[in-house]
Amino acid sequence: MRLTRPMLAVTGAVAAVVALGGCGSGGRSGSEKVPATATGSLESLAAEVKCKPNIQTDADEIRQAICRNGDGKFILATFATDRGQREWINDAKDYGGYYLVGRKWVAVGDDGVVKALRGTLGGDLEIGTDHHAHSG
């Protein structure tokens, strides 16, 4: 996949969030009630989780912000296309971390933050590669 400059910036931001929260392989519980998956602009999604987005990338194909709310710090990104979103997620998962995925948006943070966001935004949980299991 050919990454554009904004996509590289987001991938770097994901790496930074993962470094703050650490790589991990926590389990996920399917027992909690999950609301219908939210839709909307980056700003409307951020407002739903009570975060003032610090916009880092504002391009046609991707918008990305660093957010912080009572649950912690996370990256929130919106995408112009489903394909662009899936390609970005597949590449970003190499950095580990936890991903909350909605239609044309993703939130990335540590396990607890992503699970808390899911209680408001809905979406599907995905987990990046656990690099602790690899030895060199």
N, C-alpha and C. Protein backbone atom coordinates (compact mmCIF):
# COMPACT_ATOMS: atom_id res chain seq x y z
N MET A 1 0.82 -1.17 0.00
CA MET A 1 0.00 0.00 0.00
C MET A 1 0.87 1.24 0.00
N ARG A 2 0.51 2.23 -0.76
CA ARG A 2 1.24 3.49 -0.80
C ARG A 2 0.62 4.44 0.22
N LEU A 3 1.39 4.83 1.22
CA LEU A 3 0.89 5.74 2.24
C LEU A 3 1.11 7.18 1.80
N THR A 4 0.10 8.00 1.97
CA THR A 4 0.25 9.42 1.69
C THR A 4 0.85 10.08 2.92
N ARG A 5 1.32 11.29 2.77
CA ARG A 5 1.92 12.02 3.89
C ARG A 5 0.98 12.09 5.08
N PRO A 6 -0.32 12.43 4.92
CA PRO A 6 -1.20 12.45 6.09
C PRO A 6 -1.35 11.08 6.74
N MET A 7 -1.35 10.02 5.94
CA MET A 7 -1.49 8.69 6.52
C MET A 7 -0.24 8.33 7.32
N LEU A 8 0.92 8.73 6.84
CA LEU A 8 2.15 8.48 7.59
C LEU A 8 2.12 9.23 8.92
N ALA A 9 1.58 10.45 8.91
CA ALA A 9 1.49 11.23 10.14
C ALA A 9 0.60 10.52 11.15
N VAL A 10 -0.50 9.98 10.69
CA VAL A 10 -1.41 9.29 11.60
C VAL A 10 -0.76 8.03 12.13
N THR A 11 -0.09 7.26 11.25
CA THR A 11 0.57 6.05 11.70
C THR A 11 1.61 6.39 12.76
N GLY A 12 2.33 7.47 12.59
CA GLY A 12 3.29 7.91 13.60
C GLY A 12 2.61 8.29 14.90
N ALA A 13 1.46 8.94 14.80
CA ALA A 13 0.72 9.31 16.00
C ALA A 13 0.22 8.08 16.73
N VAL A 14 -0.20 7.06 15.99
CA VAL A 14 -0.63 5.81 16.61
C VAL A 14 0.53 5.19 17.36
N ALA A 15 1.70 5.19 16.76
CA ALA A 15 2.87 4.63 17.43
C ALA A 15 3.13 5.37 18.73
N ALA A 16 2.95 6.68 18.73
CA ALA A 16 3.17 7.46 19.94
C ALA A 16 2.16 7.11 21.02
N VAL A 17 0.89 6.96 20.66
CA VAL A 17 -0.13 6.59 21.64
C VAL A 17 0.13 5.19 22.18
N VAL A 18 0.50 4.27 21.30
CA VAL A 18 0.80 2.91 21.74
C VAL A 18 1.99 2.91 22.68
N ALA A 19 3.00 3.73 22.39
CA ALA A 19 4.17 3.80 23.27
C ALA A 19 3.77 4.31 24.65
N LEU A 20 2.85 5.26 24.70
CA LEU A 20 2.39 5.77 25.99
C LEU A 20 1.62 4.71 26.75
N GLY A 21 0.80 3.93 26.02
CA GLY A 21 -0.02 2.93 26.68
C GLY A 21 0.61 1.56 26.70
N GLY A 22 1.63 1.34 25.90
CA GLY A 22 2.30 0.05 25.83
C GLY A 22 1.58 -0.90 24.90
N CYS A 23 2.33 -1.85 24.35
CA CYS A 23 1.72 -2.92 23.56
C CYS A 23 1.10 -3.88 24.55
N GLY A 24 0.10 -4.59 24.13
CA GLY A 24 -0.52 -5.52 25.06
C GLY A 24 -1.41 -6.49 24.34
N SER A 25 -1.86 -7.49 25.07
CA SER A 25 -2.74 -8.48 24.49
C SER A 25 -3.89 -8.76 25.43
N GLY A 26 -4.50 -7.70 25.95
CA GLY A 26 -5.61 -7.88 26.87
C GLY A 26 -6.78 -8.53 26.18
N GLY A 27 -7.57 -9.22 26.96
CA GLY A 27 -8.76 -9.85 26.40
C GLY A 27 -9.84 -8.83 26.21
N ARG A 28 -10.87 -9.23 25.50
CA ARG A 28 -12.00 -8.34 25.36
C ARG A 28 -13.25 -9.09 25.77
N SER A 29 -14.09 -8.38 26.41
CA SER A 29 -15.31 -8.98 26.92
C SER A 29 -16.45 -8.63 25.98
N GLY A 30 -17.23 -9.60 25.60
CA GLY A 30 -18.36 -9.36 24.73
C GLY A 30 -19.65 -9.21 25.52
N SER A 31 -19.58 -9.15 26.85
CA SER A 31 -20.78 -9.16 27.66
C SER A 31 -21.39 -7.77 27.88
N GLU A 32 -20.62 -6.70 27.70
CA GLU A 32 -21.16 -5.38 27.96
C GLU A 32 -22.09 -4.94 26.82
N LYS A 33 -23.06 -4.10 27.18
CA LYS A 33 -23.99 -3.58 26.18
C LYS A 33 -23.27 -2.53 25.34
N VAL A 34 -23.44 -2.63 24.05
CA VAL A 34 -22.79 -1.71 23.13
C VAL A 34 -23.86 -0.96 22.36
N PRO A 35 -23.80 0.37 22.37
CA PRO A 35 -24.79 1.15 21.62
C PRO A 35 -24.57 1.01 20.12
N ALA A 36 -25.55 1.47 19.36
CA ALA A 36 -25.40 1.50 17.90
C ALA A 36 -24.16 2.33 17.57
N THR A 37 -23.45 1.93 16.53
CA THR A 37 -22.21 2.61 16.15
C THR A 37 -22.49 4.04 15.70
N ALA A 38 -21.78 4.98 16.28
CA ALA A 38 -21.92 6.39 15.97
C ALA A 38 -21.41 6.68 14.56
N THR A 39 -21.91 7.75 13.99
CA THR A 39 -21.43 8.24 12.70
C THR A 39 -21.27 9.75 12.83
N GLY A 40 -20.55 10.33 11.90
CA GLY A 40 -20.43 11.78 11.88
C GLY A 40 -19.01 12.24 11.65
N SER A 41 -18.86 13.54 11.75
CA SER A 41 -17.56 14.17 11.54
C SER A 41 -16.66 13.91 12.74
N LEU A 42 -15.39 14.20 12.58
CA LEU A 42 -14.44 14.06 13.68
C LEU A 42 -14.91 14.91 14.87
N GLU A 43 -15.34 16.11 14.60
CA GLU A 43 -15.78 17.00 15.68
C GLU A 43 -17.02 16.46 16.39
N SER A 44 -17.96 15.91 15.64
CA SER A 44 -19.18 15.40 16.29
C SER A 44 -18.88 14.15 17.12
N LEU A 45 -18.00 13.28 16.62
CA LEU A 45 -17.61 12.09 17.39
C LEU A 45 -16.88 12.51 18.67
N ALA A 46 -15.98 13.49 18.54
CA ALA A 46 -15.24 13.99 19.71
C ALA A 46 -16.21 14.58 20.74
N ALA A 47 -17.20 15.33 20.27
CA ALA A 47 -18.17 15.92 21.19
C ALA A 47 -18.95 14.84 21.95
N GLU A 48 -19.26 13.74 21.28
CA GLU A 48 -19.99 12.65 21.94
C GLU A 48 -19.21 12.06 23.10
N VAL A 49 -17.88 12.05 23.01
CA VAL A 49 -17.06 11.48 24.09
C VAL A 49 -16.41 12.58 24.94
N LYS A 50 -16.93 13.79 24.81
CA LYS A 50 -16.51 14.93 25.64
C LYS A 50 -15.02 15.23 25.54
N CYS A 51 -14.57 15.36 24.31
CA CYS A 51 -13.17 15.70 24.06
C CYS A 51 -13.12 16.87 23.10
N LYS A 52 -12.19 17.79 23.35
CA LYS A 52 -11.93 18.87 22.40
C LYS A 52 -10.78 18.41 21.53
N PRO A 53 -11.05 18.09 20.24
CA PRO A 53 -10.00 17.51 19.40
C PRO A 53 -8.89 18.50 19.07
N ASN A 54 -7.65 18.03 19.20
CA ASN A 54 -6.47 18.79 18.79
C ASN A 54 -6.11 18.25 17.41
N ILE A 55 -6.59 18.92 16.36
CA ILE A 55 -6.44 18.45 14.99
C ILE A 55 -4.96 18.42 14.60
N GLN A 56 -4.50 17.26 14.14
CA GLN A 56 -3.13 17.07 13.71
C GLN A 56 -3.01 16.95 12.19
N THR A 57 -4.01 16.34 11.57
CA THR A 57 -4.03 16.17 10.11
C THR A 57 -5.41 16.52 9.61
N ASP A 58 -5.47 17.38 8.61
CA ASP A 58 -6.75 17.80 8.03
C ASP A 58 -6.60 17.74 6.51
N ALA A 59 -6.83 16.56 5.97
CA ALA A 59 -6.68 16.34 4.53
C ALA A 59 -7.98 15.74 3.98
N ASP A 60 -8.09 15.70 2.67
CA ASP A 60 -9.30 15.17 2.05
C ASP A 60 -9.56 13.72 2.43
N GLU A 61 -8.51 12.90 2.46
CA GLU A 61 -8.70 11.47 2.67
C GLU A 61 -8.70 11.05 4.14
N ILE A 62 -8.16 11.89 5.03
CA ILE A 62 -8.09 11.54 6.45
C ILE A 62 -8.02 12.79 7.31
N ARG A 63 -8.72 12.75 8.44
CA ARG A 63 -8.62 13.80 9.45
C ARG A 63 -8.26 13.12 10.75
N GLN A 64 -7.34 13.68 11.49
CA GLN A 64 -6.86 13.03 12.70
C GLN A 64 -6.66 14.05 13.80
N ALA A 65 -7.02 13.65 15.02
CA ALA A 65 -6.86 14.53 16.18
C ALA A 65 -6.38 13.73 17.38
N ILE A 66 -5.69 14.40 18.26
CA ILE A 66 -5.36 13.85 19.56
C ILE A 66 -6.45 14.32 20.50
N CYS A 67 -6.99 13.40 21.27
CA CYS A 67 -8.08 13.72 22.20
C CYS A 67 -7.72 13.26 23.59
N ARG A 68 -8.31 13.93 24.55
CA ARG A 68 -8.17 13.53 25.96
C ARG A 68 -9.51 13.83 26.62
N ASN A 69 -10.01 12.83 27.37
CA ASN A 69 -11.20 13.04 28.17
C ASN A 69 -10.98 12.38 29.53
N GLY A 70 -12.01 12.21 30.30
CA GLY A 70 -11.87 11.62 31.62
C GLY A 70 -11.35 10.20 31.62
N ASP A 71 -11.45 9.51 30.50
CA ASP A 71 -10.98 8.13 30.39
C ASP A 71 -9.51 8.04 30.00
N GLY A 72 -8.95 9.11 29.42
CA GLY A 72 -7.54 9.09 29.02
C GLY A 72 -7.32 9.73 27.67
N LYS A 73 -6.14 9.48 27.12
CA LYS A 73 -5.70 10.06 25.85
C LYS A 73 -5.88 9.04 24.73
N PHE A 74 -6.30 9.53 23.55
CA PHE A 74 -6.50 8.65 22.41
C PHE A 74 -6.41 9.44 21.12
N ILE A 75 -6.25 8.72 20.03
CA ILE A 75 -6.25 9.29 18.68
C ILE A 75 -7.62 9.02 18.08
N LEU A 76 -8.20 10.02 17.45
CA LEU A 76 -9.46 9.86 16.74
C LEU A 76 -9.22 10.26 15.30
N ALA A 77 -9.58 9.38 14.38
CA ALA A 77 -9.36 9.66 12.96
C ALA A 77 -10.62 9.33 12.17
N THR A 78 -10.91 10.14 11.17
CA THR A 78 -12.01 9.87 10.25
C THR A 78 -11.44 9.76 8.85
N PHE A 79 -12.12 9.00 8.01
CA PHE A 79 -11.63 8.67 6.67
C PHE A 79 -12.67 8.98 5.61
N ALA A 80 -12.22 9.32 4.41
CA ALA A 80 -13.12 9.60 3.31
C ALA A 80 -13.73 8.32 2.75
N THR A 81 -12.98 7.20 2.81
CA THR A 81 -13.47 5.95 2.23
C THR A 81 -13.28 4.78 3.19
N ASP A 82 -14.13 3.77 3.05
CA ASP A 82 -13.99 2.55 3.84
C ASP A 82 -12.66 1.86 3.52
N ARG A 83 -12.29 1.84 2.24
CA ARG A 83 -11.05 1.19 1.84
C ARG A 83 -9.83 1.86 2.48
N GLY A 84 -9.79 3.19 2.44
CA GLY A 84 -8.69 3.93 3.06
C GLY A 84 -8.60 3.64 4.55
N GLN A 85 -9.75 3.55 5.20
CA GLN A 85 -9.77 3.24 6.62
C GLN A 85 -9.19 1.85 6.88
N ARG A 86 -9.63 0.86 6.13
CA ARG A 86 -9.17 -0.52 6.37
C ARG A 86 -7.69 -0.66 6.08
N GLU A 87 -7.18 -0.02 5.02
CA GLU A 87 -5.75 -0.09 4.72
C GLU A 87 -4.95 0.56 5.85
N TRP A 88 -5.43 1.69 6.35
CA TRP A 88 -4.73 2.37 7.43
C TRP A 88 -4.70 1.49 8.69
N ILE A 89 -5.85 0.91 9.05
CA ILE A 89 -5.91 0.06 10.24
C ILE A 89 -4.97 -1.13 10.10
N ASN A 90 -4.99 -1.78 8.94
CA ASN A 90 -4.13 -2.95 8.74
C ASN A 90 -2.66 -2.59 8.91
N ASP A 91 -2.25 -1.43 8.42
CA ASP A 91 -0.86 -0.99 8.58
C ASP A 91 -0.57 -0.58 10.02
N ALA A 92 -1.49 0.13 10.64
CA ALA A 92 -1.27 0.64 12.00
C ALA A 92 -1.21 -0.47 13.03
N LYS A 93 -1.90 -1.57 12.80
CA LYS A 93 -1.93 -2.66 13.78
C LYS A 93 -0.54 -3.24 14.05
N ASP A 94 0.40 -3.04 13.15
CA ASP A 94 1.77 -3.49 13.39
C ASP A 94 2.39 -2.79 14.60
N TYR A 95 1.83 -1.66 15.00
CA TYR A 95 2.33 -0.92 16.14
C TYR A 95 1.70 -1.36 17.46
N GLY A 96 0.82 -2.37 17.40
CA GLY A 96 0.13 -2.83 18.60
C GLY A 96 -1.04 -1.93 18.91
N GLY A 97 -1.46 -1.91 20.15
CA GLY A 97 -2.52 -1.02 20.58
C GLY A 97 -3.91 -1.60 20.41
N TYR A 98 -4.87 -0.78 20.76
CA TYR A 98 -6.28 -1.16 20.74
C TYR A 98 -7.03 -0.18 19.86
N TYR A 99 -7.93 -0.71 19.05
CA TYR A 99 -8.64 0.06 18.03
C TYR A 99 -10.14 -0.11 18.19
N LEU A 100 -10.85 1.00 18.22
CA LEU A 100 -12.30 0.99 18.18
C LEU A 100 -12.67 1.46 16.79
N VAL A 101 -13.37 0.61 16.05
CA VAL A 101 -13.60 0.85 14.63
C VAL A 101 -15.08 1.04 14.35
N GLY A 102 -15.40 2.17 13.74
CA GLY A 102 -16.75 2.46 13.27
C GLY A 102 -16.72 2.66 11.77
N ARG A 103 -17.84 3.09 11.21
CA ARG A 103 -17.89 3.33 9.77
C ARG A 103 -17.16 4.63 9.45
N LYS A 104 -16.01 4.50 8.82
CA LYS A 104 -15.15 5.61 8.40
C LYS A 104 -14.53 6.37 9.56
N TRP A 105 -14.40 5.74 10.73
CA TRP A 105 -13.67 6.36 11.84
C TRP A 105 -13.00 5.28 12.67
N VAL A 106 -11.98 5.70 13.40
CA VAL A 106 -11.28 4.80 14.32
C VAL A 106 -10.77 5.62 15.50
N ALA A 107 -10.82 5.00 16.67
CA ALA A 107 -10.22 5.58 17.87
C ALA A 107 -9.13 4.60 18.32
N VAL A 108 -7.98 5.13 18.67
CA VAL A 108 -6.84 4.30 19.06
C VAL A 108 -6.34 4.76 20.42
N GLY A 109 -6.16 3.80 21.32
CA GLY A 109 -5.65 4.13 22.64
C GLY A 109 -5.36 2.86 23.41
N ASP A 110 -5.22 2.99 24.71
CA ASP A 110 -4.99 1.77 25.48
C ASP A 110 -6.33 1.05 25.70
N ASP A 111 -6.24 -0.16 26.21
CA ASP A 111 -7.39 -1.04 26.34
C ASP A 111 -8.54 -0.38 27.10
N GLY A 112 -8.25 0.18 28.26
CA GLY A 112 -9.30 0.78 29.08
C GLY A 112 -9.98 1.96 28.42
N VAL A 113 -9.21 2.81 27.76
CA VAL A 113 -9.77 3.98 27.08
C VAL A 113 -10.67 3.55 25.94
N VAL A 114 -10.20 2.61 25.12
CA VAL A 114 -10.97 2.16 23.97
C VAL A 114 -12.28 1.50 24.42
N LYS A 115 -12.22 0.70 25.46
CA LYS A 115 -13.45 0.06 25.97
C LYS A 115 -14.42 1.11 26.51
N ALA A 116 -13.92 2.13 27.18
CA ALA A 116 -14.79 3.20 27.68
C ALA A 116 -15.43 3.96 26.52
N LEU A 117 -14.65 4.25 25.47
CA LEU A 117 -15.19 4.94 24.30
C LEU A 117 -16.28 4.11 23.63
N ARG A 118 -16.10 2.80 23.63
CA ARG A 118 -17.07 1.91 23.00
C ARG A 118 -18.44 2.02 23.68
N GLY A 119 -18.46 2.32 24.97
CA GLY A 119 -19.71 2.48 25.69
C GLY A 119 -20.53 3.66 25.19
N THR A 120 -19.89 4.62 24.54
CA THR A 120 -20.57 5.79 23.98
C THR A 120 -20.70 5.70 22.46
N LEU A 121 -19.61 5.33 21.78
CA LEU A 121 -19.57 5.36 20.31
C LEU A 121 -19.99 4.05 19.65
N GLY A 122 -20.09 2.96 20.42
CA GLY A 122 -20.33 1.66 19.78
C GLY A 122 -19.09 1.25 19.01
N GLY A 123 -19.26 0.50 17.96
CA GLY A 123 -18.13 0.09 17.14
C GLY A 123 -17.60 -1.28 17.51
N ASP A 124 -16.59 -1.71 16.78
CA ASP A 124 -15.97 -3.02 16.97
C ASP A 124 -14.57 -2.86 17.52
N LEU A 125 -14.19 -3.74 18.44
CA LEU A 125 -12.85 -3.72 19.01
C LEU A 125 -11.91 -4.56 18.16
N GLU A 126 -10.73 -4.04 17.90
CA GLU A 126 -9.67 -4.78 17.23
C GLU A 126 -8.38 -4.55 18.01
N ILE A 127 -7.52 -5.55 18.03
CA ILE A 127 -6.27 -5.47 18.78
C ILE A 127 -5.10 -5.61 17.83
N GLY A 128 -4.11 -4.74 18.00
CA GLY A 128 -2.91 -4.79 17.18
C GLY A 128 -2.01 -5.94 17.58
N THR A 129 -0.91 -6.08 16.89
CA THR A 129 0.06 -7.12 17.13
C THR A 129 0.69 -6.96 18.49
N ASP A 130 0.79 -8.05 19.25
CA ASP A 130 1.42 -8.05 20.56
C ASP A 130 2.91 -8.29 20.35
N HIS A 131 3.72 -7.25 20.47
CA HIS A 131 5.15 -7.37 20.24
C HIS A 131 5.90 -7.94 21.44
N HIS A 132 5.23 -8.06 22.59
CA HIS A 132 5.88 -8.67 23.75
C HIS A 132 6.14 -10.16 23.52
N ALA A 133 5.34 -10.78 22.67
CA ALA A 133 5.47 -12.22 22.43
C ALA A 133 6.65 -12.53 21.51
N HIS A 134 7.18 -11.52 20.86
CA HIS A 134 8.29 -11.74 19.91
C HIS A 134 9.62 -11.49 20.60
N SER A 135 10.56 -12.38 20.37
CA SER A 135 11.90 -12.15 20.91
C SER A 135 12.89 -12.16 19.77
N GLY A 136 13.93 -11.40 19.90
CA GLY A 136 14.85 -11.24 18.79
C GLY A 136 16.18 -11.67 19.05
